[in-house]
């Protein structure tokens, strides 16, 4: 069973950048596709980005392409989310998730078995 811990969130001004990290333990990290999701206040959890086990396949939410970059380091058991040109509407709790199946990385939160507790990102205007 994989345990996930996110870090790197915080308060940033619009136009700034943050890099989120998600450290995995307790399982075989490289065997899991990884995803990032976010949940704005009072709204549902939305897909942000996903990356395959070796990093060769990457998907982004259409609205975030060009600003967010997902990557992973299997040697460090960590997945990252680089967020640039942040906007107030990016304010949310950001979660990483792990999918142990062999399917391609998913945009659907229900296909992920393991979740971190989330990290708050607040973008001020």
Foldseek 3Di string as FASTA:
>chain_A
DKAKAKDFADEAAAQAKIKMKIAIDDDQLLLWKKFKWWDAPPGDIFGAKIAHSVRPDIDGDPVQPPFWDWDDDSVRRMIMIIGGRDDQVVWTWMKMFIANDPDGIDRDPVRTDYIYPTDTHGYHD
